[in-house]
Amino acid sequence: MKLHYLASLTLLALPLTVLAIEPGPSSKAQQETEHWLGLQVSGQAASPTVQQATFAERELALQRLLESKKFAIPEKFDEDSAGGGSGGSK
């Protein structure tokens, strides 16, 4: 019983380990990514020209949306009908 409580306490404390990571970018690539995301959020690099989709582009987007609704989402994923990817082991 004591082991049960100890294991539960350990699992509850796991999210607190995230607090040990120092805030801020850890690499040059992460710094650049955060910079680009900041530009996107602030709109500083946005074009002053408003872009509008043509009728044909809007029609194609609508057709893609309608096509995606034709197939119902299955309640269970059948592994036999998977796409044959090489990820994972069986």
PDB file of N, CA and C in Angstrom:
ATOM      1  N   MET A   1       0.823  -1.186   0.000  1.00  0.00           N
ATOM      2  CA  MET A   1       0.000   0.000   0.000  1.00  0.00           C
ATOM      3  C   MET A   1       0.872   1.257   0.000  1.00  0.00           C
ATOM      4  N   LYS A   2       1.984   1.186   0.735  1.00  0.00           N
ATOM      5  CA  LYS A   2       2.895   2.318   0.797  1.00  0.00           C
ATOM      6  C   LYS A   2       3.500   2.589  -0.581  1.00  0.00           C
ATOM      7  N   LEU A   3       3.796   1.535  -1.318  1.00  0.00           N
ATOM      8  CA  LEU A   3       4.347   1.681  -2.664  1.00  0.00           C
ATOM      9  C   LEU A   3       3.339   2.360  -3.585  1.00  0.00           C
ATOM     10  N   HIS A   4       2.071   2.035  -3.406  1.00  0.00           N
ATOM     11  CA  HIS A   4       1.009   2.643  -4.210  1.00  0.00           C
ATOM     12  C   HIS A   4       0.978   4.163  -4.001  1.00  0.00           C
ATOM     13  N   TYR A   5       1.049   4.601  -2.742  1.00  0.00           N
ATOM     14  CA  TYR A   5       1.038   6.031  -2.443  1.00  0.00           C
ATOM     15  C   TYR A   5       2.299   6.713  -2.966  1.00  0.00           C
ATOM     16  N   LEU A   6       3.427   6.058  -2.829  1.00  0.00           N
ATOM     17  CA  LEU A   6       4.687   6.623  -3.299  1.00  0.00           C
ATOM     18  C   LEU A   6       4.681   6.779  -4.817  1.00  0.00           C
ATOM     19  N   ALA A   7       4.173   5.783  -5.515  1.00  0.00           N
ATOM     20  CA  ALA A   7       4.092   5.863  -6.974  1.00  0.00           C
ATOM     21  C   ALA A   7       3.134   6.967  -7.406  1.00  0.00           C
ATOM     22  N   SER A   8       2.014   7.099  -6.715  1.00  0.00           N
ATOM     23  CA  SER A   8       1.050   8.161  -7.040  1.00  0.00           C
ATOM     24  C   SER A   8       1.654   9.531  -6.805  1.00  0.00           C
ATOM     25  N   LEU A   9       2.356   9.697  -5.718  1.00  0.00           N
ATOM     26  CA  LEU A   9       2.989  10.974  -5.408  1.00  0.00           C
ATOM     27  C   LEU A   9       4.052  11.320  -6.446  1.00  0.00           C
ATOM     28  N   THR A  10       4.808  10.325  -6.875  1.00  0.00           N
ATOM     29  CA  THR A  10       5.823  10.546  -7.900  1.00  0.00           C
ATOM     30  C   THR A  10       5.186  10.986  -9.210  1.00  0.00           C
ATOM     31  N   LEU A  11       4.100  10.337  -9.600  1.00  0.00           N
ATOM     32  CA  LEU A  11       3.419  10.718 -10.837  1.00  0.00           C
ATOM     33  C   LEU A  11       2.829  12.119 -10.745  1.00  0.00           C
ATOM     34  N   LEU A  12       2.323  12.489  -9.586  1.00  0.00           N
ATOM     35  CA  LEU A  12       1.774  13.831  -9.408  1.00  0.00           C
ATOM     36  C   LEU A  12       2.863  14.901  -9.436  1.00  0.00           C
ATOM     37  N   ALA A  13       4.074  14.550  -9.033  1.00  0.00           N
ATOM     38  CA  ALA A  13       5.169  15.515  -8.992  1.00  0.00           C
ATOM     39  C   ALA A  13       5.873  15.663 -10.336  1.00  0.00           C
ATOM     40  N   LEU A  14       5.627  14.774 -11.281  1.00  0.00           N
ATOM     41  CA  LEU A  14       6.313  14.844 -12.574  1.00  0.00           C
ATOM     42  C   LEU A  14       6.118  16.171 -13.306  1.00  0.00           C
ATOM     43  N   PRO A  15       4.923  16.737 -13.354  1.00  0.00           N
ATOM     44  CA  PRO A  15       4.777  18.016 -14.057  1.00  0.00           C
ATOM     45  C   PRO A  15       5.615  19.141 -13.456  1.00  0.00           C
ATOM     46  N   LEU A  16       5.973  19.034 -12.197  1.00  0.00           N
ATOM     47  CA  LEU A  16       6.785  20.069 -11.563  1.00  0.00           C
ATOM     48  C   LEU A  16       8.211  20.083 -12.093  1.00  0.00           C
ATOM     49  N   THR A  17       8.653  18.999 -12.723  1.00  0.00           N
ATOM     50  CA  THR A  17      10.005  18.972 -13.280  1.00  0.00           C
ATOM     51  C   THR A  17      10.142  19.938 -14.445  1.00  0.00           C
ATOM     52  N   VAL A  18       9.038  20.324 -15.061  1.00  0.00           N
ATOM     53  CA  VAL A  18       9.082  21.287 -16.162  1.00  0.00           C
ATOM     54  C   VAL A  18       9.568  22.634 -15.655  1.00  0.00           C
ATOM     55  N   LEU A  19       9.289  22.948 -14.421  1.00  0.00           N
ATOM     56  CA  LEU A  19       9.706  24.223 -13.853  1.00  0.00           C
ATOM     57  C   LEU A  19      11.222  24.334 -13.749  1.00  0.00           C
ATOM     58  N   ALA A  20      11.924  23.227 -13.829  1.00  0.00           N
ATOM     59  CA  ALA A  20      13.371  23.252 -13.729  1.00  0.00           C
ATOM     60  C   ALA A  20      14.024  23.768 -15.006  1.00  0.00           C
ATOM     61  N   ILE A  21      13.304  23.811 -16.104  1.00  0.00           N
ATOM     62  CA  ILE A  21      13.858  24.296 -17.366  1.00  0.00           C
ATOM     63  C   ILE A  21      13.862  25.813 -17.343  1.00  0.00           C
ATOM     64  N   GLU A  22      15.021  26.394 -17.614  1.00  0.00           N
ATOM     65  CA  GLU A  22      15.121  27.846 -17.595  1.00  0.00           C
ATOM     66  C   GLU A  22      14.354  28.437 -18.770  1.00  0.00           C
ATOM     67  N   PRO A  23      13.669  29.557 -18.552  1.00  0.00           N
ATOM     68  CA  PRO A  23      12.939  30.187 -19.654  1.00  0.00           C
ATOM     69  C   PRO A  23      13.900  30.801 -20.663  1.00  0.00           C
ATOM     70  N   GLY A  24      13.425  30.927 -21.866  1.00  0.00           N
ATOM     71  CA  GLY A  24      14.224  31.557 -22.906  1.00  0.00           C
ATOM     72  C   GLY A  24      14.727  30.554 -23.916  1.00  0.00           C
ATOM     73  N   PRO A  25      15.188  31.066 -25.054  1.00  0.00           N
ATOM     74  CA  PRO A  25      15.668  30.188 -26.122  1.00  0.00           C
ATOM     75  C   PRO A  25      16.945  29.453 -25.717  1.00  0.00           C
ATOM     76  N   SER A  26      17.040  28.229 -26.156  1.00  0.00           N
ATOM     77  CA  SER A  26      18.206  27.432 -25.801  1.00  0.00           C
ATOM     78  C   SER A  26      19.169  27.269 -26.966  1.00  0.00           C
ATOM     79  N   SER A  27      18.769  27.656 -28.155  1.00  0.00           N
ATOM     80  CA  SER A  27      19.656  27.518 -29.303  1.00  0.00           C
ATOM     81  C   SER A  27      19.401  28.650 -30.286  1.00  0.00           C
ATOM     82  N   LYS A  28      20.310  28.814 -31.229  1.00  0.00           N
ATOM     83  CA  LYS A  28      20.173  29.846 -32.260  1.00  0.00           C
ATOM     84  C   LYS A  28      18.921  29.598 -33.093  1.00  0.00           C
ATOM     85  N   ALA A  29      18.661  28.347 -33.448  1.00  0.00           N
ATOM     86  CA  ALA A  29      17.476  28.023 -34.250  1.00  0.00           C
ATOM     87  C   ALA A  29      16.202  28.374 -33.493  1.00  0.00           C
ATOM     88  N   GLN A  30      16.171  28.110 -32.198  1.00  0.00           N
ATOM     89  CA  GLN A  30      14.983  28.432 -31.411  1.00  0.00           C
ATOM     90  C   GLN A  30      14.804  29.940 -31.309  1.00  0.00           C
ATOM     91  N   GLN A  31      15.898  30.689 -31.170  1.00  0.00           N
ATOM     92  CA  GLN A  31      15.808  32.149 -31.124  1.00  0.00           C
ATOM     93  C   GLN A  31      15.207  32.692 -32.417  1.00  0.00           C
ATOM     94  N   GLU A  32      15.684  32.180 -33.552  1.00  0.00           N
ATOM     95  CA  GLU A  32      15.168  32.633 -34.842  1.00  0.00           C
ATOM     96  C   GLU A  32      13.695  32.276 -35.003  1.00  0.00           C
ATOM     97  N   THR A  33      13.324  31.079 -34.576  1.00  0.00           N
ATOM     98  CA  THR A  33      11.923  30.662 -34.668  1.00  0.00           C
ATOM     99  C   THR A  33      11.034  31.572 -33.832  1.00  0.00           C
ATOM    100  N   GLU A  34      11.467  31.864 -32.607  1.00  0.00           N
ATOM    101  CA  GLU A  34      10.678  32.744 -31.750  1.00  0.00           C
ATOM    102  C   GLU A  34      10.590  34.149 -32.328  1.00  0.00           C
ATOM    103  N   HIS A  35      11.660  34.606 -32.978  1.00  0.00           N
ATOM    104  CA  HIS A  35      11.633  35.926 -33.619  1.00  0.00           C
ATOM    105  C   HIS A  35      10.594  35.954 -34.739  1.00  0.00           C
ATOM    106  N   TRP A  36      10.599  34.935 -35.607  1.00  0.00           N
ATOM    107  CA  TRP A  36       9.636  34.888 -36.714  1.00  0.00           C
ATOM    108  C   TRP A  36       8.204  34.777 -36.196  1.00  0.00           C
ATOM    109  N   LEU A  37       7.997  33.978 -35.164  1.00  0.00           N
ATOM    110  CA  LEU A  37       6.655  33.862 -34.589  1.00  0.00           C
ATOM    111  C   LEU A  37       6.205  35.184 -33.972  1.00  0.00           C
ATOM    112  N   GLY A  38       7.138  35.907 -33.363  1.00  0.00           N
ATOM    113  CA  GLY A  38       6.814  37.221 -32.816  1.00  0.00           C
ATOM    114  C   GLY A  38       6.419  38.201 -33.903  1.00  0.00           C
ATOM    115  N   LEU A  39       7.126  38.160 -35.037  1.00  0.00           N
ATOM    116  CA  LEU A  39       6.768  39.023 -36.169  1.00  0.00           C
ATOM    117  C   LEU A  39       5.378  38.690 -36.686  1.00  0.00           C
ATOM    118  N   GLN A  40       5.072  37.420 -36.740  1.00  0.00           N
ATOM    119  CA  GLN A  40       3.761  37.000 -37.238  1.00  0.00           C
ATOM    120  C   GLN A  40       2.648  37.491 -36.315  1.00  0.00           C
ATOM    121  N   VAL A  41       2.852  37.366 -35.021  1.00  0.00           N
ATOM    122  CA  VAL A  41       1.829  37.770 -34.060  1.00  0.00           C
ATOM    123  C   VAL A  41       1.640  39.286 -34.060  1.00  0.00           C
ATOM    124  N   SER A  42       2.752  40.020 -34.108  1.00  0.00           N
ATOM    125  CA  SER A  42       2.660  41.477 -34.016  1.00  0.00           C
ATOM    126  C   SER A  42       2.185  42.120 -35.311  1.00  0.00           C
ATOM    127  N   GLY A  43       2.407  41.452 -36.442  1.00  0.00           N
ATOM    128  CA  GLY A  43       2.008  42.017 -37.730  1.00  0.00           C
ATOM    129  C   GLY A  43       2.972  43.070 -38.241  1.00  0.00           C
ATOM    130  N   GLN A  44       4.159  43.193 -37.646  1.00  0.00           N
ATOM    131  CA  GLN A  44       5.134  44.202 -38.051  1.00  0.00           C
ATOM    132  C   GLN A  44       5.611  44.001 -39.481  1.00  0.00           C
ATOM    133  N   ALA A  45       5.689  42.766 -39.936  1.00  0.00           N
ATOM    134  CA  ALA A  45       6.195  42.489 -41.275  1.00  0.00           C
ATOM    135  C   ALA A  45       5.063  42.227 -42.263  1.00  0.00           C
ATOM    136  N   ALA A  46       3.843  42.562 -41.884  1.00  0.00           N
ATOM    137  CA  ALA A  46       2.694  42.302 -42.758  1.00  0.00           C
ATOM    138  C   ALA A  46       2.719  43.240 -43.957  1.00  0.00           C
ATOM    139  N   SER A  47       2.240  42.748 -45.062  1.00  0.00           N
ATOM    140  CA  SER A  47       2.158  43.547 -46.281  1.00  0.00           C
ATOM    141  C   SER A  47       1.007  44.546 -46.162  1.00  0.00           C
ATOM    142  N   PRO A  48       1.218  45.773 -46.642  1.00  0.00           N
ATOM    143  CA  PRO A  48       0.118  46.742 -46.618  1.00  0.00           C
ATOM    144  C   PRO A  48      -0.942  46.437 -47.673  1.00  0.00           C
ATOM    145  N   THR A  49      -0.591  45.589 -48.638  1.00  0.00           N
ATOM    146  CA  THR A  49      -1.521  45.226 -49.704  1.00  0.00           C
ATOM    147  C   THR A  49      -2.380  44.049 -49.251  1.00  0.00           C
ATOM    148  N   VAL A  50      -3.679  44.251 -49.234  1.00  0.00           N
ATOM    149  CA  VAL A  50      -4.598  43.181 -48.854  1.00  0.00           C
ATOM    150  C   VAL A  50      -4.676  42.181 -50.002  1.00  0.00           C
ATOM    151  N   GLN A  51      -4.492  40.907 -49.686  1.00  0.00           N
ATOM    152  CA  GLN A  51      -4.549  39.870 -50.713  1.00  0.00           C
ATOM    153  C   GLN A  51      -5.933  39.248 -50.713  1.00  0.00           C
ATOM    154  N   GLN A  52      -6.499  39.128 -51.900  1.00  0.00           N
ATOM    155  CA  GLN A  52      -7.819  38.530 -52.022  1.00  0.00           C
ATOM    156  C   GLN A  52      -7.735  37.315 -52.935  1.00  0.00           C
ATOM    157  N   ALA A  53      -8.470  36.299 -52.572  1.00  0.00           N
ATOM    158  CA  ALA A  53      -8.518  35.082 -53.386  1.00  0.00           C
ATOM    159  C   ALA A  53      -9.446  35.318 -54.573  1.00  0.00           C
ATOM    160  N   THR A  54      -9.071  34.723 -55.695  1.00  0.00           N
ATOM    161  CA  THR A  54      -9.930  34.821 -56.873  1.00  0.00           C
ATOM    162  C   THR A  54     -11.127  33.894 -56.694  1.00  0.00           C
ATOM    163  N   PHE A  55     -12.100  34.050 -57.567  1.00  0.00           N
ATOM    164  CA  PHE A  55     -13.282  33.192 -57.513  1.00  0.00           C
ATOM    165  C   PHE A  55     -12.881  31.730 -57.668  1.00  0.00           C
ATOM    166  N   ALA A  56     -11.956  31.441 -58.597  1.00  0.00           N
ATOM    167  CA  ALA A  56     -11.530  30.056 -58.831  1.00  0.00           C
ATOM    168  C   ALA A  56     -10.852  29.480 -57.587  1.00  0.00           C
ATOM    169  N   GLU A  57     -10.020  30.284 -56.920  1.00  0.00           N
ATOM    170  CA  GLU A  57      -9.348  29.810 -55.706  1.00  0.00           C
ATOM    171  C   GLU A  57     -10.353  29.533 -54.586  1.00  0.00           C
ATOM    172  N   ARG A  58     -11.319  30.409 -54.438  1.00  0.00           N
ATOM    173  CA  ARG A  58     -12.353  30.196 -53.419  1.00  0.00           C
ATOM    174  C   ARG A  58     -13.171  28.949 -53.730  1.00  0.00           C
ATOM    175  N   GLU A  59     -13.465  28.744 -55.010  1.00  0.00           N
ATOM    176  CA  GLU A  59     -14.247  27.571 -55.415  1.00  0.00           C
ATOM    177  C   GLU A  59     -13.475  26.276 -55.133  1.00  0.00           C
ATOM    178  N   LEU A  60     -12.165  26.270 -55.438  1.00  0.00           N
ATOM    179  CA  LEU A  60     -11.342  25.087 -55.157  1.00  0.00           C
ATOM    180  C   LEU A  60     -11.258  24.812 -53.652  1.00  0.00           C
ATOM    181  N   ALA A  61     -11.126  25.868 -52.862  1.00  0.00           N
ATOM    182  CA  ALA A  61     -11.069  25.690 -51.407  1.00  0.00           C
ATOM    183  C   ALA A  61     -12.379  25.106 -50.887  1.00  0.00           C
ATOM    184  N   LEU A  62     -13.488  25.582 -51.417  1.00  0.00           N
ATOM    185  CA  LEU A  62     -14.789  25.055 -51.006  1.00  0.00           C
ATOM    186  C   LEU A  62     -14.927  23.588 -51.402  1.00  0.00           C
ATOM    187  N   GLN A  63     -14.473  23.230 -52.600  1.00  0.00           N
ATOM    188  CA  GLN A  63     -14.547  21.835 -53.047  1.00  0.00           C
ATOM    189  C   GLN A  63     -13.701  20.934 -52.160  1.00  0.00           C
ATOM    190  N   ARG A  64     -12.494  21.394 -51.777  1.00  0.00           N
ATOM    191  CA  ARG A  64     -11.644  20.609 -50.869  1.00  0.00           C
ATOM    192  C   ARG A  64     -12.343  20.401 -49.531  1.00  0.00           C
ATOM    193  N   LEU A  65     -12.987  21.447 -49.034  1.00  0.00           N
ATOM    194  CA  LEU A  65     -13.707  21.332 -47.771  1.00  0.00           C
ATOM    195  C   LEU A  65     -14.848  20.330 -47.886  1.00  0.00           C
ATOM    196  N   LEU A  66     -15.613  20.423 -48.946  1.00  0.00           N
ATOM    197  CA  LEU A  66     -16.740  19.508 -49.123  1.00  0.00           C
ATOM    198  C   LEU A  66     -16.272  18.071 -49.310  1.00  0.00           C
ATOM    199  N   GLU A  67     -15.171  17.871 -50.030  1.00  0.00           N
ATOM    200  CA  GLU A  67     -14.619  16.520 -50.222  1.00  0.00           C
ATOM    201  C   GLU A  67     -14.179  15.926 -48.885  1.00  0.00           C
ATOM    202  N   SER A  68     -13.629  16.752 -48.010  1.00  0.00           N
ATOM    203  CA  SER A  68     -13.137  16.238 -46.730  1.00  0.00           C
ATOM    204  C   SER A  68     -14.282  15.775 -45.831  1.00  0.00           C
ATOM    205  N   LYS A  69     -15.485  16.255 -46.069  1.00  0.00           N
ATOM    206  CA  LYS A  69     -16.634  15.891 -45.235  1.00  0.00           C
ATOM    207  C   LYS A  69     -17.321  14.609 -45.708  1.00  0.00           C
ATOM    208  N   LYS A  70     -16.887  14.047 -46.830  1.00  0.00           N
ATOM    209  CA  LYS A  70     -17.543  12.852 -47.375  1.00  0.00           C
ATOM    210  C   LYS A  70     -17.256  11.597 -46.563  1.00  0.00           C
ATOM    211  N   PHE A  71     -16.132  11.564 -45.884  1.00  0.00           N
ATOM    212  CA  PHE A  71     -15.722  10.362 -45.173  1.00  0.00           C
ATOM    213  C   PHE A  71     -15.881  10.576 -43.673  1.00  0.00           C
ATOM    214  N   ALA A  72     -16.632   9.697 -43.047  1.00  0.00           N
ATOM    215  CA  ALA A  72     -16.861   9.808 -41.605  1.00  0.00           C
ATOM    216  C   ALA A  72     -15.602   9.416 -40.842  1.00  0.00           C
ATOM    217  N   ILE A  73     -15.417  10.016 -39.692  1.00  0.00           N
ATOM    218  CA  ILE A  73     -14.291   9.664 -38.841  1.00  0.00           C
ATOM    219  C   ILE A  73     -14.668   8.389 -38.096  1.00  0.00           C
ATOM    220  N   PRO A  74     -13.860   7.322 -38.230  1.00  0.00           N
ATOM    221  CA  PRO A  74     -14.210   6.056 -37.576  1.00  0.00           C
ATOM    222  C   PRO A  74     -14.097   6.176 -36.054  1.00  0.00           C
ATOM    223  N   GLU A  75     -14.910   5.394 -35.354  1.00  0.00           N
ATOM    224  CA  GLU A  75     -14.857   5.412 -33.894  1.00  0.00           C
ATOM    225  C   GLU A  75     -13.593   4.749 -33.377  1.00  0.00           C
ATOM    226  N   LYS A  76     -13.108   3.743 -34.102  1.00  0.00           N
ATOM    227  CA  LYS A  76     -11.886   3.058 -33.709  1.00  0.00           C
ATOM    228  C   LYS A  76     -10.943   3.030 -34.895  1.00  0.00           C
ATOM    229  N   PHE A  77      -9.652   3.094 -34.614  1.00  0.00           N
ATOM    230  CA  PHE A  77      -8.648   3.004 -35.661  1.00  0.00           C
ATOM    231  C   PHE A  77      -8.283   1.543 -35.861  1.00  0.00           C
ATOM    232  N   ASP A  78      -8.442   1.066 -37.075  1.00  0.00           N
ATOM    233  CA  ASP A  78      -8.123  -0.315 -37.401  1.00  0.00           C
ATOM    234  C   ASP A  78      -6.691  -0.368 -37.909  1.00  0.00           C
ATOM    235  N   GLU A  79      -5.814  -1.055 -37.189  1.00  0.00           N
ATOM    236  CA  GLU A  79      -4.403  -1.099 -37.566  1.00  0.00           C
ATOM    237  C   GLU A  79      -4.190  -1.791 -38.904  1.00  0.00           C
ATOM    238  N   ASP A  80      -5.072  -2.713 -39.270  1.00  0.00           N
ATOM    239  CA  ASP A  80      -4.908  -3.422 -40.534  1.00  0.00           C
ATOM    240  C   ASP A  80      -5.133  -2.501 -41.727  1.00  0.00           C
ATOM    241  N   SER A  81      -5.911  -1.454 -41.553  1.00  0.00           N
ATOM    242  CA  SER A  81      -6.185  -0.547 -42.661  1.00  0.00           C
ATOM    243  C   SER A  81      -5.239   0.642 -42.669  1.00  0.00           C
ATOM    244  N   ALA A  82      -4.174   0.570 -41.878  1.00  0.00           N
ATOM    245  CA  ALA A  82      -3.212   1.671 -41.824  1.00  0.00           C
ATOM    246  C   ALA A  82      -2.510   1.814 -43.164  1.00  0.00           C
ATOM    247  N   GLY A  83      -1.906   2.965 -43.354  1.00  0.00           N
ATOM    248  CA  GLY A  83      -1.302   3.298 -44.642  1.00  0.00           C
ATOM    249  C   GLY A  83       0.006   2.602 -44.947  1.00  0.00           C
ATOM    250  N   GLY A  84       0.446   1.673 -44.161  1.00  0.00           N
ATOM    251  CA  GLY A  84       1.662   0.928 -44.479  1.00  0.00           C
ATOM    252  C   GLY A  84       2.934   1.693 -44.163  1.00  0.00           C
ATOM    253  N   GLY A  85       2.866   2.632 -43.238  1.00  0.00           N
ATOM    254  CA  GLY A  85       4.058   3.378 -42.853  1.00  0.00           C
ATOM    255  C   GLY A  85       5.049   2.471 -42.152  1.00  0.00           C
ATOM    256  N   SER A  86       6.311   2.884 -42.136  1.00  0.00           N
ATOM    257  CA  SER A  86       7.342   2.050 -41.534  1.00  0.00           C
ATOM    258  C   SER A  86       7.601   2.416 -40.081  1.00  0.00           C
ATOM    259  N   GLY A  87       6.854   3.352 -39.523  1.00  0.00           N
ATOM    260  CA  GLY A  87       7.083   3.762 -38.143  1.00  0.00           C
ATOM    261  C   GLY A  87       6.567   2.733 -37.157  1.00  0.00           C
ATOM    262  N   GLY A  88       7.256   2.631 -36.034  1.00  0.00           N
ATOM    263  CA  GLY A  88       6.813   1.718 -34.981  1.00  0.00           C
ATOM    264  C   GLY A  88       7.156   0.276 -35.267  1.00  0.00           C
ATOM    265  N   SER A  89       6.973  -0.545 -34.273  1.00  0.00           N
ATOM    266  CA  SER A  89       7.231  -1.974 -34.446  1.00  0.00           C
ATOM    267  C   SER A  89       5.999  -2.748 -34.036  1.00  0.00           C
ATOM    268  N   LYS A  90       5.828  -3.910 -34.601  1.00  0.00           N
ATOM    269  CA  LYS A  90       4.671  -4.750 -34.290  1.00  0.00           C
ATOM    270  C   LYS A  90       5.090  -5.977 -33.545  1.00  0.00           C
TER     271      LYS A  90
END
